Amino acid sequence: MQFFNISRLNTDFGSFRISGYWCSEKPKIENINIKSIEVMGTDGWVLLNKTSVSNSQLIDSLLPLFLSHLLSKDSAV
């Protein structure tokens, strides 16, 4: 597992800052482990509670976007 940090990812759901771990050798959604996720609010970054049901559903919707972003950055290296 390798650490990743996405400083800002703009999506249809909002702007997010994400850190965690992923397996670049097995690039699948199941191999992404979110350590911290924040959303841009009106007063700056707001930490999301990953255990809440609504936030968990949001994260599930965002995982394909995270994977796509990580793959595009990995191939650029």
PDB file of N, CA and C in Angstrom:
ATOM      1  N   MET A   1       0.847  -1.175   0.000  1.00  0.00           N
ATOM      2  CA  MET A   1       0.000   0.000   0.000  1.00  0.00           C
ATOM      3  C   MET A   1       0.896   1.243   0.000  1.00  0.00           C
ATOM      4  N   GLN A   2       0.497   2.197  -0.779  1.00  0.00           N
ATOM      5  CA  GLN A   2       1.273   3.422  -0.853  1.00  0.00           C
ATOM      6  C   GLN A   2       0.391   4.612  -0.466  1.00  0.00           C
ATOM      7  N   PHE A   3       0.974   5.557   0.241  1.00  0.00           N
ATOM      8  CA  PHE A   3       0.254   6.726   0.716  1.00  0.00           C
ATOM      9  C   PHE A   3      -0.062   7.659  -0.448  1.00  0.00           C
ATOM     10  N   PHE A   4      -1.245   8.286  -0.400  1.00  0.00           N
ATOM     11  CA  PHE A   4      -1.580   9.314  -1.378  1.00  0.00           C
ATOM     12  C   PHE A   4      -2.197  10.511  -0.667  1.00  0.00           C
ATOM     13  N   ASN A   5      -2.058  11.642  -1.308  1.00  0.00           N
ATOM     14  CA  ASN A   5      -2.648  12.876  -0.808  1.00  0.00           C
ATOM     15  C   ASN A   5      -3.146  13.660  -2.023  1.00  0.00           C
ATOM     16  N   ILE A   6      -4.439  13.876  -2.079  1.00  0.00           N
ATOM     17  CA  ILE A   6      -5.028  14.687  -3.143  1.00  0.00           C
ATOM     18  C   ILE A   6      -5.400  16.016  -2.510  1.00  0.00           C
ATOM     19  N   SER A   7      -4.695  17.063  -2.889  1.00  0.00           N
ATOM     20  CA  SER A   7      -4.889  18.353  -2.227  1.00  0.00           C
ATOM     21  C   SER A   7      -6.203  19.032  -2.605  1.00  0.00           C
ATOM     22  N   ARG A   8      -6.722  18.732  -3.783  1.00  0.00           N
ATOM     23  CA  ARG A   8      -8.017  19.276  -4.183  1.00  0.00           C
ATOM     24  C   ARG A   8      -8.513  18.517  -5.407  1.00  0.00           C
ATOM     25  N   LEU A   9      -9.723  17.993  -5.292  1.00  0.00           N
ATOM     26  CA  LEU A   9     -10.350  17.300  -6.408  1.00  0.00           C
ATOM     27  C   LEU A   9     -11.757  17.874  -6.560  1.00  0.00           C
ATOM     28  N   ASN A  10     -11.982  18.540  -7.690  1.00  0.00           N
ATOM     29  CA  ASN A  10     -13.284  19.141  -7.961  1.00  0.00           C
ATOM     30  C   ASN A  10     -14.177  18.100  -8.632  1.00  0.00           C
ATOM     31  N   THR A  11     -15.372  17.918  -8.079  1.00  0.00           N
ATOM     32  CA  THR A  11     -16.326  16.945  -8.608  1.00  0.00           C
ATOM     33  C   THR A  11     -17.703  17.592  -8.688  1.00  0.00           C
ATOM     34  N   ASP A  12     -18.654  16.862  -9.239  1.00  0.00           N
ATOM     35  CA  ASP A  12     -20.040  17.329  -9.253  1.00  0.00           C
ATOM     36  C   ASP A  12     -20.624  17.384  -7.847  1.00  0.00           C
ATOM     37  N   PHE A  13     -20.000  16.666  -6.895  1.00  0.00           N
ATOM     38  CA  PHE A  13     -20.473  16.617  -5.514  1.00  0.00           C
ATOM     39  C   PHE A  13     -19.839  17.700  -4.648  1.00  0.00           C
ATOM     40  N   GLY A  14     -18.844  18.415  -5.170  1.00  0.00           N
ATOM     41  CA  GLY A  14     -18.127  19.436  -4.418  1.00  0.00           C
ATOM     42  C   GLY A  14     -16.634  19.271  -4.604  1.00  0.00           C
ATOM     43  N   SER A  15     -15.872  20.047  -3.849  1.00  0.00           N
ATOM     44  CA  SER A  15     -14.410  19.970  -3.885  1.00  0.00           C
ATOM     45  C   SER A  15     -13.931  19.232  -2.642  1.00  0.00           C
ATOM     46  N   PHE A  16     -13.007  18.289  -2.839  1.00  0.00           N
ATOM     47  CA  PHE A  16     -12.569  17.429  -1.754  1.00  0.00           C
ATOM     48  C   PHE A  16     -11.056  17.414  -1.626  1.00  0.00           C
ATOM     49  N   ARG A  17     -10.606  17.201  -0.394  1.00  0.00           N
ATOM     50  CA  ARG A  17      -9.199  16.964  -0.076  1.00  0.00           C
ATOM     51  C   ARG A  17      -9.158  15.596   0.597  1.00  0.00           C
ATOM     52  N   ILE A  18      -8.336  14.695   0.061  1.00  0.00           N
ATOM     53  CA  ILE A  18      -8.363  13.302   0.493  1.00  0.00           C
ATOM     54  C   ILE A  18      -6.945  12.802   0.729  1.00  0.00           C
ATOM     55  N   SER A  19      -6.796  11.993   1.769  1.00  0.00           N
ATOM     56  CA  SER A  19      -5.532  11.291   1.972  1.00  0.00           C
ATOM     57  C   SER A  19      -5.851   9.864   2.394  1.00  0.00           C
ATOM     58  N   GLY A  20      -4.911   8.988   2.120  1.00  0.00           N
ATOM     59  CA  GLY A  20      -5.113   7.590   2.472  1.00  0.00           C
ATOM     60  C   GLY A  20      -4.067   6.708   1.822  1.00  0.00           C
ATOM     61  N   TYR A  21      -4.446   5.460   1.610  1.00  0.00           N
ATOM     62  CA  TYR A  21      -3.538   4.476   1.035  1.00  0.00           C
ATOM     63  C   TYR A  21      -4.236   3.752  -0.107  1.00  0.00           C
ATOM     64  N   TRP A  22      -3.433   3.363  -1.101  1.00  0.00           N
ATOM     65  CA  TRP A  22      -3.967   2.575  -2.210  1.00  0.00           C
ATOM     66  C   TRP A  22      -2.886   1.654  -2.716  1.00  0.00           C
ATOM     67  N   CYS A  23      -3.301   0.632  -3.431  1.00  0.00           N
ATOM     68  CA  CYS A  23      -2.371  -0.337  -4.003  1.00  0.00           C
ATOM     69  C   CYS A  23      -2.273  -0.073  -5.498  1.00  0.00           C
ATOM     70  N   SER A  24      -1.195   0.543  -5.921  1.00  0.00           N
ATOM     71  CA  SER A  24      -1.039   0.886  -7.334  1.00  0.00           C
ATOM     72  C   SER A  24      -0.826  -0.359  -8.193  1.00  0.00           C
ATOM     73  N   GLU A  25      -0.371  -1.473  -7.588  1.00  0.00           N
ATOM     74  CA  GLU A  25      -0.201  -2.710  -8.340  1.00  0.00           C
ATOM     75  C   GLU A  25      -1.548  -3.375  -8.634  1.00  0.00           C
ATOM     76  N   LYS A  26      -2.530  -3.124  -7.779  1.00  0.00           N
ATOM     77  CA  LYS A  26      -3.891  -3.663  -7.951  1.00  0.00           C
ATOM     78  C   LYS A  26      -4.868  -2.493  -7.882  1.00  0.00           C
ATOM     79  N   PRO A  27      -4.918  -1.677  -8.934  1.00  0.00           N
ATOM     80  CA  PRO A  27      -5.735  -0.454  -8.893  1.00  0.00           C
ATOM     81  C   PRO A  27      -7.232  -0.751  -9.000  1.00  0.00           C
ATOM     82  N   LYS A  28      -7.835  -1.023  -7.855  1.00  0.00           N
ATOM     83  CA  LYS A  28      -9.268  -1.262  -7.775  1.00  0.00           C
ATOM     84  C   LYS A  28      -9.846  -0.404  -6.664  1.00  0.00           C
ATOM     85  N   ILE A  29     -11.115  -0.125  -6.776  1.00  0.00           N
ATOM     86  CA  ILE A  29     -11.786   0.684  -5.757  1.00  0.00           C
ATOM     87  C   ILE A  29     -11.641   0.046  -4.376  1.00  0.00           C
ATOM     88  N   GLU A  30     -11.710  -1.291  -4.323  1.00  0.00           N
ATOM     89  CA  GLU A  30     -11.613  -1.998  -3.039  1.00  0.00           C
ATOM     90  C   GLU A  30     -10.252  -1.792  -2.369  1.00  0.00           C
ATOM     91  N   ASN A  31      -9.243  -1.399  -3.150  1.00  0.00           N
ATOM     92  CA  ASN A  31      -7.890  -1.235  -2.625  1.00  0.00           C
ATOM     93  C   ASN A  31      -7.563   0.213  -2.260  1.00  0.00           C
ATOM     94  N   ILE A  32      -8.600   1.032  -2.085  1.00  0.00           N
ATOM     95  CA  ILE A  32      -8.408   2.409  -1.623  1.00  0.00           C
ATOM     96  C   ILE A  32      -8.875   2.488  -0.174  1.00  0.00           C
ATOM     97  N   ASN A  33      -7.985   2.953   0.681  1.00  0.00           N
ATOM     98  CA  ASN A  33      -8.298   3.109   2.102  1.00  0.00           C
ATOM     99  C   ASN A  33      -8.207   4.598   2.444  1.00  0.00           C
ATOM    100  N   ILE A  34      -9.359   5.221   2.654  1.00  0.00           N
ATOM    101  CA  ILE A  34      -9.411   6.656   2.954  1.00  0.00           C
ATOM    102  C   ILE A  34      -9.034   6.882   4.408  1.00  0.00           C
ATOM    103  N   LYS A  35      -8.012   7.684   4.636  1.00  0.00           N
ATOM    104  CA  LYS A  35      -7.608   8.054   5.998  1.00  0.00           C
ATOM    105  C   LYS A  35      -8.362   9.308   6.434  1.00  0.00           C
ATOM    106  N   SER A  36      -8.425  10.296   5.547  1.00  0.00           N
ATOM    107  CA  SER A  36      -9.067  11.570   5.856  1.00  0.00           C
ATOM    108  C   SER A  36      -9.720  12.115   4.594  1.00  0.00           C
ATOM    109  N   ILE A  37     -10.933  12.650   4.761  1.00  0.00           N
ATOM    110  CA  ILE A  37     -11.616  13.285   3.633  1.00  0.00           C
ATOM    111  C   ILE A  37     -12.282  14.557   4.133  1.00  0.00           C
ATOM    112  N   GLU A  38     -12.039  15.626   3.397  1.00  0.00           N
ATOM    113  CA  GLU A  38     -12.602  16.928   3.737  1.00  0.00           C
ATOM    114  C   GLU A  38     -13.314  17.491   2.516  1.00  0.00           C
ATOM    115  N   VAL A  39     -14.339  18.269   2.767  1.00  0.00           N
ATOM    116  CA  VAL A  39     -15.078  18.936   1.702  1.00  0.00           C
ATOM    117  C   VAL A  39     -14.911  20.444   1.895  1.00  0.00           C
ATOM    118  N   MET A  40     -14.864  21.171   0.793  1.00  0.00           N
ATOM    119  CA  MET A  40     -14.748  22.619   0.871  1.00  0.00           C
ATOM    120  C   MET A  40     -16.116  23.188   1.239  1.00  0.00           C
ATOM    121  N   GLY A  41     -16.169  23.834   2.388  1.00  0.00           N
ATOM    122  CA  GLY A  41     -17.384  24.490   2.849  1.00  0.00           C
ATOM    123  C   GLY A  41     -17.276  25.988   2.633  1.00  0.00           C
ATOM    124  N   THR A  42     -18.240  26.722   3.120  1.00  0.00           N
ATOM    125  CA  THR A  42     -18.225  28.171   2.943  1.00  0.00           C
ATOM    126  C   THR A  42     -17.121  28.839   3.751  1.00  0.00           C
ATOM    127  N   ASP A  43     -16.671  28.179   4.831  1.00  0.00           N
ATOM    128  CA  ASP A  43     -15.609  28.747   5.671  1.00  0.00           C
ATOM    129  C   ASP A  43     -14.289  27.991   5.562  1.00  0.00           C
ATOM    130  N   GLY A  44     -14.133  27.174   4.525  1.00  0.00           N
ATOM    131  CA  GLY A  44     -12.902  26.410   4.351  1.00  0.00           C
ATOM    132  C   GLY A  44     -13.166  24.918   4.385  1.00  0.00           C
ATOM    133  N   TRP A  45     -12.107  24.151   4.616  1.00  0.00           N
ATOM    134  CA  TRP A  45     -12.202  22.690   4.599  1.00  0.00           C
ATOM    135  C   TRP A  45     -12.932  22.179   5.834  1.00  0.00           C
ATOM    136  N   VAL A  46     -13.852  21.234   5.612  1.00  0.00           N
ATOM    137  CA  VAL A  46     -14.631  20.634   6.687  1.00  0.00           C
ATOM    138  C   VAL A  46     -14.393  19.122   6.653  1.00  0.00           C
ATOM    139  N   LEU A  47     -13.923  18.575   7.766  1.00  0.00           N
ATOM    140  CA  LEU A  47     -13.662  17.147   7.875  1.00  0.00           C
ATOM    141  C   LEU A  47     -14.984  16.381   7.865  1.00  0.00           C
ATOM    142  N   LEU A  48     -15.059  15.346   7.023  1.00  0.00           N
ATOM    143  CA  LEU A  48     -16.264  14.516   6.963  1.00  0.00           C
ATOM    144  C   LEU A  48     -16.131  13.336   7.912  1.00  0.00           C
ATOM    145  N   ASN A  49     -17.230  13.007   8.578  1.00  0.00           N
ATOM    146  CA  ASN A  49     -17.290  11.823   9.418  1.00  0.00           C
ATOM    147  C   ASN A  49     -17.522  10.629   8.499  1.00  0.00           C
ATOM    148  N   LYS A  50     -16.492   9.781   8.352  1.00  0.00           N
ATOM    149  CA  LYS A  50     -16.568   8.667   7.408  1.00  0.00           C
ATOM    150  C   LYS A  50     -17.563   7.599   7.846  1.00  0.00           C
ATOM    151  N   THR A  51     -17.954   7.590   9.122  1.00  0.00           N
ATOM    152  CA  THR A  51     -18.832   6.538   9.619  1.00  0.00           C
ATOM    153  C   THR A  51     -20.317   6.872   9.473  1.00  0.00           C
ATOM    154  N   SER A  52     -20.650   8.121   9.174  1.00  0.00           N
ATOM    155  CA  SER A  52     -22.065   8.445   8.996  1.00  0.00           C
ATOM    156  C   SER A  52     -22.566   7.804   7.702  1.00  0.00           C
ATOM    157  N   VAL A  53     -23.822   7.387   7.705  1.00  0.00           N
ATOM    158  CA  VAL A  53     -24.393   6.669   6.557  1.00  0.00           C
ATOM    159  C   VAL A  53     -24.375   7.535   5.304  1.00  0.00           C
ATOM    160  N   SER A  54     -24.801   8.789   5.427  1.00  0.00           N
ATOM    161  CA  SER A  54     -24.855   9.648   4.233  1.00  0.00           C
ATOM    162  C   SER A  54     -23.456   9.935   3.692  1.00  0.00           C
ATOM    163  N   ASN A  55     -22.488  10.157   4.570  1.00  0.00           N
ATOM    164  CA  ASN A  55     -21.119  10.402   4.113  1.00  0.00           C
ATOM    165  C   ASN A  55     -20.514   9.138   3.519  1.00  0.00           C
ATOM    166  N   SER A  56     -20.846   7.987   4.087  1.00  0.00           N
ATOM    167  CA  SER A  56     -20.355   6.724   3.554  1.00  0.00           C
ATOM    168  C   SER A  56     -20.884   6.501   2.138  1.00  0.00           C
ATOM    169  N   GLN A  57     -22.132   6.836   1.902  1.00  0.00           N
ATOM    170  CA  GLN A  57     -22.709   6.715   0.560  1.00  0.00           C
ATOM    171  C   GLN A  57     -22.048   7.692  -0.402  1.00  0.00           C
ATOM    172  N   LEU A  58     -21.760   8.906   0.077  1.00  0.00           N
ATOM    173  CA  LEU A  58     -21.065   9.898  -0.743  1.00  0.00           C
ATOM    174  C   LEU A  58     -19.677   9.400  -1.125  1.00  0.00           C
ATOM    175  N   ILE A  59     -18.948   8.867  -0.159  1.00  0.00           N
ATOM    176  CA  ILE A  59     -17.604   8.351  -0.416  1.00  0.00           C
ATOM    177  C   ILE A  59     -17.655   7.215  -1.433  1.00  0.00           C
ATOM    178  N   ASP A  60     -18.646   6.327  -1.302  1.00  0.00           N
ATOM    179  CA  ASP A  60     -18.798   5.242  -2.278  1.00  0.00           C
ATOM    180  C   ASP A  60     -19.004   5.796  -3.687  1.00  0.00           C
ATOM    181  N   SER A  61     -19.741   6.899  -3.791  1.00  0.00           N
ATOM    182  CA  SER A  61     -19.957   7.534  -5.103  1.00  0.00           C
ATOM    183  C   SER A  61     -18.687   8.188  -5.631  1.00  0.00           C
ATOM    184  N   LEU A  62     -17.832   8.641  -4.718  1.00  0.00           N
ATOM    185  CA  LEU A  62     -16.609   9.345  -5.105  1.00  0.00           C
ATOM    186  C   LEU A  62     -15.432   8.414  -5.412  1.00  0.00           C
ATOM    187  N   LEU A  63     -15.458   7.194  -4.896  1.00  0.00           N
ATOM    188  CA  LEU A  63     -14.311   6.286  -5.057  1.00  0.00           C
ATOM    189  C   LEU A  63     -13.874   6.087  -6.514  1.00  0.00           C
ATOM    190  N   PRO A  64     -14.794   5.928  -7.470  1.00  0.00           N
ATOM    191  CA  PRO A  64     -14.326   5.810  -8.861  1.00  0.00           C
ATOM    192  C   PRO A  64     -13.573   7.058  -9.337  1.00  0.00           C
ATOM    193  N   LEU A  65     -13.990   8.228  -8.872  1.00  0.00           N
ATOM    194  CA  LEU A  65     -13.285   9.466  -9.244  1.00  0.00           C
ATOM    195  C   LEU A  65     -11.906   9.516  -8.611  1.00  0.00           C
ATOM    196  N   PHE A  66     -11.799   9.075  -7.341  1.00  0.00           N
ATOM    197  CA  PHE A  66     -10.499   9.029  -6.671  1.00  0.00           C
ATOM    198  C   PHE A  66      -9.559   8.091  -7.409  1.00  0.00           C
ATOM    199  N   LEU A  67     -10.069   6.910  -7.765  1.00  0.00           N
ATOM    200  CA  LEU A  67      -9.239   5.927  -8.468  1.00  0.00           C
ATOM    201  C   LEU A  67      -8.772   6.474  -9.810  1.00  0.00           C
ATOM    202  N   SER A  68      -9.671   7.094 -10.541  1.00  0.00           N
ATOM    203  CA  SER A  68      -9.307   7.677 -11.837  1.00  0.00           C
ATOM    204  C   SER A  68      -8.225   8.733 -11.669  1.00  0.00           C
ATOM    205  N   HIS A  69      -8.364   9.567 -10.649  1.00  0.00           N
ATOM    206  CA  HIS A  69      -7.371  10.616 -10.387  1.00  0.00           C
ATOM    207  C   HIS A  69      -6.010   9.988 -10.027  1.00  0.00           C
ATOM    208  N   LEU A  70      -6.036   8.997  -9.154  1.00  0.00           N
ATOM    209  CA  LEU A  70      -4.783   8.345  -8.740  1.00  0.00           C
ATOM    210  C   LEU A  70      -4.099   7.662  -9.921  1.00  0.00           C
ATOM    211  N   LEU A  71      -4.881   7.020 -10.771  1.00  0.00           N
ATOM    212  CA  LEU A  71      -4.307   6.355 -11.950  1.00  0.00           C
ATOM    213  C   LEU A  71      -3.702   7.363 -12.917  1.00  0.00           C
ATOM    214  N   SER A  72      -4.365   8.515 -13.092  1.00  0.00           N
ATOM    215  CA  SER A  72      -3.830   9.515 -14.007  1.00  0.00           C
ATOM    216  C   SER A  72      -2.532  10.115 -13.464  1.00  0.00           C
ATOM    217  N   LYS A  73      -2.449  10.292 -12.163  1.00  0.00           N
ATOM    218  CA  LYS A  73      -1.220  10.824 -11.560  1.00  0.00           C
ATOM    219  C   LYS A  73      -0.108   9.777 -11.572  1.00  0.00           C
ATOM    220  N   ASP A  74      -0.486   8.503 -11.359  1.00  0.00           N
ATOM    221  CA  ASP A  74       0.499   7.415 -11.337  1.00  0.00           C
ATOM    222  C   ASP A  74       1.123   7.220 -12.727  1.00  0.00           C
ATOM    223  N   SER A  75       0.314   7.339 -13.768  1.00  0.00           N
ATOM    224  CA  SER A  75       0.846   7.148 -15.116  1.00  0.00           C
ATOM    225  C   SER A  75       1.679   8.346 -15.573  1.00  0.00           C
ATOM    226  N   ALA A  76       1.485   9.495 -14.934  1.00  0.00           N
ATOM    227  CA  ALA A  76       2.245  10.688 -15.295  1.00  0.00           C
ATOM    228  C   ALA A  76       3.651  10.655 -14.722  1.00  0.00           C
ATOM    229  N   VAL A  77       3.888   9.799 -13.742  1.00  0.00           N
ATOM    230  CA  VAL A  77       5.205   9.731 -13.089  1.00  0.00           C
ATOM    231  C   VAL A  77       6.174   8.939 -13.903  1.00  0.00           C
TER     232      VAL A  77
END
